[in-house]
Amino acid sequence: MLVEEIEAGAKVWSLTEYGDRRIAEVIKATSIVAPLGHKMVSVELEDRRSLLASAGHPLIDESTIADLAIGSVLDHSRVSILNHVTYESERTYDLLPDGETGFFFANDIPVASTLMKNCNCAEERQKIGN
């Protein structure tokens, strides 16, 4: 499923605080206008998974995409290609799955939500009827 299509109430893969995969309901999905010329980081791993994200997007170990370098380990695989590219889309996206971590999988790579730290999660759950 494309991130552009994900709305509150959708189901996504998440991680528990113990590192176990689980299905979680999205309690918030947002997008913001990407400024003209916005740069993104294209990350490719040795196991062929890839990710396109803003440099400041958080990872599950509290680092960010900007902290990665060739040879860095991300989810048990080494970064093999890392490029800064001009973003061609009009908006950037993030989502917040229900649960204690705010972690979700983007192209099978676990990342953290930027929405977790400012979340009134009880209110967001009410909006989707939970």
N, C-alpha and C. Protein backbone atom coordinates (compact mmCIF):
# COMPACT_ATOMS: atom_id res chain seq x y z
N MET A 1 0.84 -1.17 0.00
CA MET A 1 0.00 0.00 0.00
C MET A 1 0.89 1.25 0.00
N LEU A 2 0.56 2.18 -0.83
CA LEU A 2 1.31 3.43 -0.90
C LEU A 2 0.98 4.31 0.30
N VAL A 3 1.97 5.00 0.81
CA VAL A 3 1.77 5.84 1.99
C VAL A 3 0.70 6.91 1.71
N GLU A 4 0.60 7.35 0.47
CA GLU A 4 -0.40 8.36 0.11
C GLU A 4 -1.82 7.85 0.31
N GLU A 5 -2.00 6.54 0.30
CA GLU A 5 -3.33 5.93 0.39
C GLU A 5 -3.71 5.56 1.82
N ILE A 6 -2.79 5.65 2.76
CA ILE A 6 -3.06 5.22 4.13
C ILE A 6 -3.82 6.31 4.88
N GLU A 7 -4.91 5.90 5.52
CA GLU A 7 -5.73 6.80 6.32
C GLU A 7 -5.91 6.22 7.71
N ALA A 8 -6.38 7.04 8.64
CA ALA A 8 -6.69 6.55 9.98
C ALA A 8 -7.67 5.39 9.86
N GLY A 9 -7.40 4.34 10.62
CA GLY A 9 -8.21 3.14 10.58
C GLY A 9 -7.60 2.02 9.76
N ALA A 10 -6.63 2.35 8.90
CA ALA A 10 -5.95 1.31 8.10
C ALA A 10 -5.10 0.45 9.03
N LYS A 11 -4.78 -0.74 8.57
CA LYS A 11 -3.92 -1.65 9.33
C LYS A 11 -2.52 -1.65 8.73
N VAL A 12 -1.52 -1.56 9.60
CA VAL A 12 -0.11 -1.59 9.18
C VAL A 12 0.68 -2.48 10.13
N TRP A 13 1.86 -2.88 9.71
CA TRP A 13 2.76 -3.61 10.60
C TRP A 13 3.43 -2.62 11.54
N SER A 14 3.54 -3.01 12.80
CA SER A 14 4.18 -2.20 13.82
C SER A 14 5.11 -3.10 14.63
N LEU A 15 5.81 -2.51 15.58
CA LEU A 15 6.67 -3.25 16.51
C LEU A 15 6.26 -2.92 17.93
N THR A 16 6.26 -3.94 18.77
CA THR A 16 6.02 -3.72 20.19
C THR A 16 7.30 -3.22 20.84
N GLU A 17 7.21 -2.84 22.10
CA GLU A 17 8.40 -2.40 22.83
C GLU A 17 9.41 -3.53 22.99
N TYR A 18 8.98 -4.78 22.76
CA TYR A 18 9.88 -5.95 22.86
C TYR A 18 10.42 -6.37 21.50
N GLY A 19 10.07 -5.62 20.44
CA GLY A 19 10.58 -5.92 19.12
C GLY A 19 9.77 -6.94 18.34
N ASP A 20 8.59 -7.29 18.84
CA ASP A 20 7.73 -8.24 18.13
C ASP A 20 6.87 -7.51 17.11
N ARG A 21 6.76 -8.09 15.91
CA ARG A 21 5.88 -7.53 14.90
C ARG A 21 4.43 -7.76 15.30
N ARG A 22 3.60 -6.76 15.01
CA ARG A 22 2.17 -6.92 15.22
C ARG A 22 1.43 -6.01 14.25
N ILE A 23 0.19 -6.35 13.99
CA ILE A 23 -0.64 -5.50 13.16
C ILE A 23 -1.25 -4.43 14.06
N ALA A 24 -1.18 -3.19 13.61
CA ALA A 24 -1.71 -2.07 14.39
C ALA A 24 -2.61 -1.21 13.50
N GLU A 25 -3.55 -0.58 14.13
CA GLU A 25 -4.43 0.34 13.42
C GLU A 25 -3.79 1.72 13.40
N VAL A 26 -3.84 2.37 12.26
CA VAL A 26 -3.32 3.73 12.14
C VAL A 26 -4.30 4.66 12.85
N ILE A 27 -3.80 5.43 13.82
CA ILE A 27 -4.68 6.37 14.52
C ILE A 27 -4.54 7.79 13.98
N LYS A 28 -3.49 8.04 13.20
CA LYS A 28 -3.33 9.36 12.58
C LYS A 28 -2.47 9.21 11.33
N ALA A 29 -2.89 9.87 10.26
CA ALA A 29 -2.11 9.92 9.02
C ALA A 29 -2.09 11.37 8.57
N THR A 30 -0.92 11.88 8.28
CA THR A 30 -0.79 13.29 7.92
C THR A 30 0.09 13.45 6.68
N SER A 31 -0.03 14.62 6.10
CA SER A 31 0.88 15.01 5.03
C SER A 31 1.11 16.51 5.13
N ILE A 32 2.26 16.94 4.67
CA ILE A 32 2.56 18.37 4.62
C ILE A 32 3.11 18.68 3.23
N VAL A 33 2.96 19.92 2.84
CA VAL A 33 3.48 20.35 1.54
C VAL A 33 5.00 20.32 1.59
N ALA A 34 5.58 19.69 0.59
CA ALA A 34 7.05 19.65 0.48
C ALA A 34 7.50 20.92 -0.23
N PRO A 35 8.43 21.65 0.35
CA PRO A 35 8.90 22.86 -0.32
C PRO A 35 9.58 22.54 -1.65
N LEU A 36 9.52 23.47 -2.55
CA LEU A 36 10.17 23.31 -3.85
C LEU A 36 11.65 23.00 -3.63
N GLY A 37 12.15 21.96 -4.27
CA GLY A 37 13.55 21.59 -4.14
C GLY A 37 13.87 20.77 -2.90
N HIS A 38 12.82 20.32 -2.18
CA HIS A 38 13.02 19.53 -0.96
C HIS A 38 13.89 18.32 -1.25
N LYS A 39 14.87 18.09 -0.40
CA LYS A 39 15.77 16.94 -0.55
C LYS A 39 15.30 15.79 0.32
N MET A 40 15.38 14.60 -0.22
CA MET A 40 15.07 13.37 0.49
C MET A 40 16.31 12.51 0.45
N VAL A 41 16.32 11.48 1.29
CA VAL A 41 17.44 10.54 1.30
C VAL A 41 16.92 9.20 0.77
N SER A 42 17.57 8.73 -0.26
CA SER A 42 17.26 7.42 -0.84
C SER A 42 18.25 6.42 -0.26
N VAL A 43 17.72 5.42 0.45
CA VAL A 43 18.55 4.43 1.13
C VAL A 43 18.28 3.06 0.52
N GLU A 44 19.35 2.37 0.14
CA GLU A 44 19.22 0.99 -0.32
C GLU A 44 20.08 0.11 0.56
N LEU A 45 19.50 -1.02 0.96
CA LEU A 45 20.20 -1.97 1.83
C LEU A 45 20.73 -3.13 1.02
N GLU A 46 21.73 -3.82 1.57
CA GLU A 46 22.33 -4.97 0.87
C GLU A 46 21.30 -6.05 0.56
N ASP A 47 20.25 -6.16 1.38
CA ASP A 47 19.23 -7.19 1.13
C ASP A 47 18.14 -6.71 0.16
N ARG A 48 18.38 -5.58 -0.49
CA ARG A 48 17.55 -5.01 -1.55
C ARG A 48 16.32 -4.25 -1.09
N ARG A 49 16.14 -4.09 0.21
CA ARG A 49 15.06 -3.21 0.67
C ARG A 49 15.52 -1.77 0.45
N SER A 50 14.56 -0.89 0.27
CA SER A 50 14.90 0.52 0.03
C SER A 50 13.87 1.43 0.68
N LEU A 51 14.29 2.67 0.86
CA LEU A 51 13.46 3.64 1.56
C LEU A 51 13.79 5.02 1.03
N LEU A 52 12.76 5.83 0.86
CA LEU A 52 12.93 7.24 0.52
C LEU A 52 12.28 8.04 1.64
N ALA A 53 13.06 8.84 2.35
CA ALA A 53 12.53 9.57 3.50
C ALA A 53 13.28 10.89 3.68
N SER A 54 12.65 11.79 4.41
CA SER A 54 13.31 13.04 4.77
C SER A 54 14.48 12.75 5.70
N ALA A 55 15.51 13.56 5.63
CA ALA A 55 16.72 13.34 6.43
C ALA A 55 16.42 13.29 7.93
N GLY A 56 15.47 14.06 8.39
CA GLY A 56 15.16 14.11 9.81
C GLY A 56 14.21 13.04 10.30
N HIS A 57 13.77 12.17 9.40
CA HIS A 57 12.80 11.15 9.84
C HIS A 57 13.46 10.20 10.83
N PRO A 58 12.79 9.94 11.97
CA PRO A 58 13.41 9.11 13.00
C PRO A 58 13.39 7.62 12.69
N LEU A 59 14.43 6.95 13.16
CA LEU A 59 14.51 5.49 13.10
C LEU A 59 14.18 4.94 14.49
N ILE A 60 14.04 3.64 14.61
CA ILE A 60 13.58 3.07 15.88
C ILE A 60 14.63 3.12 16.99
N ASP A 61 15.87 3.41 16.64
CA ASP A 61 16.92 3.50 17.67
C ASP A 61 17.18 4.94 18.11
N GLU A 62 16.27 5.84 17.77
CA GLU A 62 16.33 7.27 18.10
C GLU A 62 17.31 8.06 17.24
N SER A 63 17.94 7.42 16.27
CA SER A 63 18.74 8.15 15.29
C SER A 63 17.78 8.60 14.18
N THR A 64 18.33 9.26 13.17
CA THR A 64 17.51 9.70 12.04
C THR A 64 18.11 9.17 10.74
N ILE A 65 17.37 9.32 9.68
CA ILE A 65 17.85 8.93 8.36
C ILE A 65 19.17 9.64 8.06
N ALA A 66 19.29 10.90 8.48
CA ALA A 66 20.52 11.67 8.23
C ALA A 66 21.75 11.06 8.89
N ASP A 67 21.56 10.25 9.92
CA ASP A 67 22.68 9.63 10.62
C ASP A 67 23.25 8.43 9.88
N LEU A 68 22.54 7.95 8.86
CA LEU A 68 23.01 6.77 8.13
C LEU A 68 24.17 7.12 7.20
N ALA A 69 25.02 6.15 6.97
CA ALA A 69 26.14 6.27 6.02
C ALA A 69 26.30 4.92 5.33
N ILE A 70 27.04 4.90 4.24
CA ILE A 70 27.34 3.62 3.59
C ILE A 70 27.98 2.71 4.64
N GLY A 71 27.48 1.49 4.75
CA GLY A 71 28.01 0.54 5.72
C GLY A 71 27.27 0.52 7.05
N SER A 72 26.45 1.55 7.32
CA SER A 72 25.64 1.54 8.54
C SER A 72 24.70 0.34 8.51
N VAL A 73 24.39 -0.18 9.68
CA VAL A 73 23.44 -1.29 9.77
C VAL A 73 22.06 -0.73 10.10
N LEU A 74 21.09 -1.11 9.28
CA LEU A 74 19.70 -0.73 9.47
C LEU A 74 18.87 -2.00 9.38
N ASP A 75 18.23 -2.37 10.46
CA ASP A 75 17.41 -3.58 10.54
C ASP A 75 18.15 -4.81 10.02
N HIS A 76 19.33 -5.05 10.54
CA HIS A 76 20.14 -6.25 10.26
C HIS A 76 20.69 -6.32 8.84
N SER A 77 20.70 -5.21 8.12
CA SER A 77 21.28 -5.18 6.78
C SER A 77 22.10 -3.89 6.65
N ARG A 78 23.16 -3.95 5.88
CA ARG A 78 24.03 -2.78 5.71
C ARG A 78 23.51 -1.87 4.60
N VAL A 79 23.69 -0.57 4.81
CA VAL A 79 23.37 0.42 3.79
C VAL A 79 24.39 0.28 2.67
N SER A 80 23.92 0.04 1.45
CA SER A 80 24.83 -0.13 0.32
C SER A 80 24.83 1.09 -0.60
N ILE A 81 23.72 1.80 -0.66
CA ILE A 81 23.62 3.00 -1.50
C ILE A 81 22.88 4.06 -0.69
N LEU A 82 23.39 5.27 -0.74
CA LEU A 82 22.78 6.39 0.00
C LEU A 82 22.91 7.63 -0.86
N ASN A 83 21.79 8.19 -1.28
CA ASN A 83 21.81 9.36 -2.14
C ASN A 83 20.84 10.42 -1.62
N HIS A 84 21.22 11.67 -1.76
CA HIS A 84 20.31 12.78 -1.49
C HIS A 84 19.71 13.17 -2.83
N VAL A 85 18.39 13.14 -2.90
CA VAL A 85 17.70 13.38 -4.17
C VAL A 85 16.65 14.47 -3.99
N THR A 86 16.38 15.18 -5.08
CA THR A 86 15.31 16.17 -5.05
C THR A 86 13.98 15.44 -5.10
N TYR A 87 13.11 15.78 -4.18
CA TYR A 87 11.80 15.14 -4.07
C TYR A 87 10.89 15.68 -5.15
N GLU A 88 10.26 14.79 -5.89
CA GLU A 88 9.43 15.18 -7.02
C GLU A 88 7.95 15.32 -6.66
N SER A 89 7.53 14.77 -5.53
CA SER A 89 6.11 14.83 -5.15
C SER A 89 5.81 16.13 -4.41
N GLU A 90 4.53 16.45 -4.32
CA GLU A 90 4.11 17.70 -3.70
C GLU A 90 4.05 17.64 -2.18
N ARG A 91 3.90 16.43 -1.61
CA ARG A 91 3.69 16.31 -0.17
C ARG A 91 4.58 15.22 0.42
N THR A 92 4.91 15.36 1.70
CA THR A 92 5.55 14.27 2.44
C THR A 92 4.52 13.74 3.43
N TYR A 93 4.70 12.49 3.86
CA TYR A 93 3.67 11.79 4.63
C TYR A 93 4.27 11.15 5.88
N ASP A 94 3.42 11.00 6.88
CA ASP A 94 3.77 10.24 8.07
C ASP A 94 2.48 9.66 8.64
N LEU A 95 2.65 8.64 9.45
CA LEU A 95 1.50 8.01 10.08
C LEU A 95 1.88 7.59 11.49
N LEU A 96 0.85 7.36 12.29
CA LEU A 96 1.06 6.92 13.66
C LEU A 96 0.20 5.69 13.92
N PRO A 97 0.84 4.54 14.11
CA PRO A 97 0.08 3.34 14.47
C PRO A 97 -0.24 3.34 15.96
N ASP A 98 -1.35 2.72 16.31
CA ASP A 98 -1.70 2.57 17.72
C ASP A 98 -0.68 1.66 18.39
N GLY A 99 -0.37 1.93 19.62
CA GLY A 99 0.60 1.12 20.35
C GLY A 99 1.58 1.99 21.10
N GLU A 100 2.42 1.34 21.88
CA GLU A 100 3.32 2.07 22.78
C GLU A 100 4.56 2.64 22.10
N THR A 101 4.90 2.17 20.89
CA THR A 101 6.16 2.60 20.28
C THR A 101 6.03 3.67 19.21
N GLY A 102 4.97 3.64 18.43
CA GLY A 102 4.86 4.53 17.27
C GLY A 102 5.70 4.06 16.10
N PHE A 103 6.19 2.82 16.14
CA PHE A 103 7.00 2.27 15.06
C PHE A 103 6.10 1.65 13.99
N PHE A 104 6.52 1.78 12.73
CA PHE A 104 5.81 1.11 11.63
C PHE A 104 6.83 0.73 10.57
N PHE A 105 6.39 -0.04 9.60
CA PHE A 105 7.29 -0.50 8.55
C PHE A 105 7.01 0.26 7.26
N ALA A 106 8.06 0.83 6.69
CA ALA A 106 8.01 1.50 5.40
C ALA A 106 8.87 0.67 4.46
N ASN A 107 8.25 0.06 3.47
CA ASN A 107 8.97 -0.85 2.55
C ASN A 107 9.72 -1.92 3.33
N ASP A 108 9.08 -2.44 4.36
CA ASP A 108 9.60 -3.52 5.20
C ASP A 108 10.82 -3.10 6.04
N ILE A 109 11.00 -1.79 6.22
CA ILE A 109 12.07 -1.27 7.07
C ILE A 109 11.40 -0.55 8.25
N PRO A 110 11.72 -0.94 9.49
CA PRO A 110 11.07 -0.29 10.62
C PRO A 110 11.58 1.14 10.83
N VAL A 111 10.62 2.05 10.98
CA VAL A 111 10.92 3.46 11.24
C VAL A 111 10.01 3.93 12.38
N ALA A 112 10.34 5.07 12.94
CA ALA A 112 9.51 5.66 13.99
C ALA A 112 8.65 6.77 13.39
N SER A 113 7.55 7.04 14.03
CA SER A 113 6.68 8.11 13.58
C SER A 113 7.14 9.44 14.17
N THR A 114 7.08 10.49 13.36
CA THR A 114 7.36 11.83 13.88
C THR A 114 6.18 12.33 14.71
N LEU A 115 5.06 11.65 14.64
CA LEU A 115 3.83 12.11 15.31
C LEU A 115 3.71 11.64 16.75
N MET A 116 4.56 10.70 17.17
CA MET A 116 4.42 10.09 18.49
C MET A 116 4.64 11.08 19.63
N LYS A 117 5.64 11.95 19.50
CA LYS A 117 6.00 12.80 20.64
C LYS A 117 4.94 13.84 20.98
N ASN A 118 4.14 14.25 20.02
CA ASN A 118 3.11 15.26 20.27
C ASN A 118 1.70 14.69 20.21
N CYS A 119 1.58 13.41 20.40
CA CYS A 119 0.30 12.75 20.20
C CYS A 119 -0.58 12.79 21.44
N ASN A 120 -1.80 13.24 21.25
CA ASN A 120 -2.85 13.00 22.24
C ASN A 120 -3.55 11.74 21.73
N CYS A 121 -2.93 10.60 22.00
CA CYS A 121 -3.35 9.34 21.38
C CYS A 121 -4.77 8.93 21.76
N ALA A 122 -5.20 9.23 22.98
CA ALA A 122 -6.57 8.89 23.37
C ALA A 122 -7.57 9.63 22.49
N GLU A 123 -7.28 10.89 22.21
CA GLU A 123 -8.15 11.69 21.34
C GLU A 123 -8.14 11.14 19.92
N GLU A 124 -6.97 10.77 19.42
CA GLU A 124 -6.87 10.21 18.06
C GLU A 124 -7.64 8.90 17.96
N ARG A 125 -7.56 8.06 18.99
CA ARG A 125 -8.31 6.80 18.99
C ARG A 125 -9.81 7.06 18.93
N GLN A 126 -10.28 8.06 19.66
CA GLN A 126 -11.70 8.40 19.66
C GLN A 126 -12.16 8.82 18.27
N LYS A 127 -11.33 9.52 17.55
CA LYS A 127 -11.69 9.98 16.21
C LYS A 127 -11.99 8.83 15.27
N ILE A 128 -11.30 7.68 15.48
CA ILE A 128 -11.54 6.54 14.59
C ILE A 128 -12.45 5.50 15.24
N GLY A 129 -13.02 5.85 16.39
CA GLY A 129 -14.00 4.98 17.02
C GLY A 129 -13.45 3.89 17.91
N ASN A 130 -12.25 4.05 18.45
CA ASN A 130 -11.68 3.03 19.36
C ASN A 130 -11.72 3.50 20.79
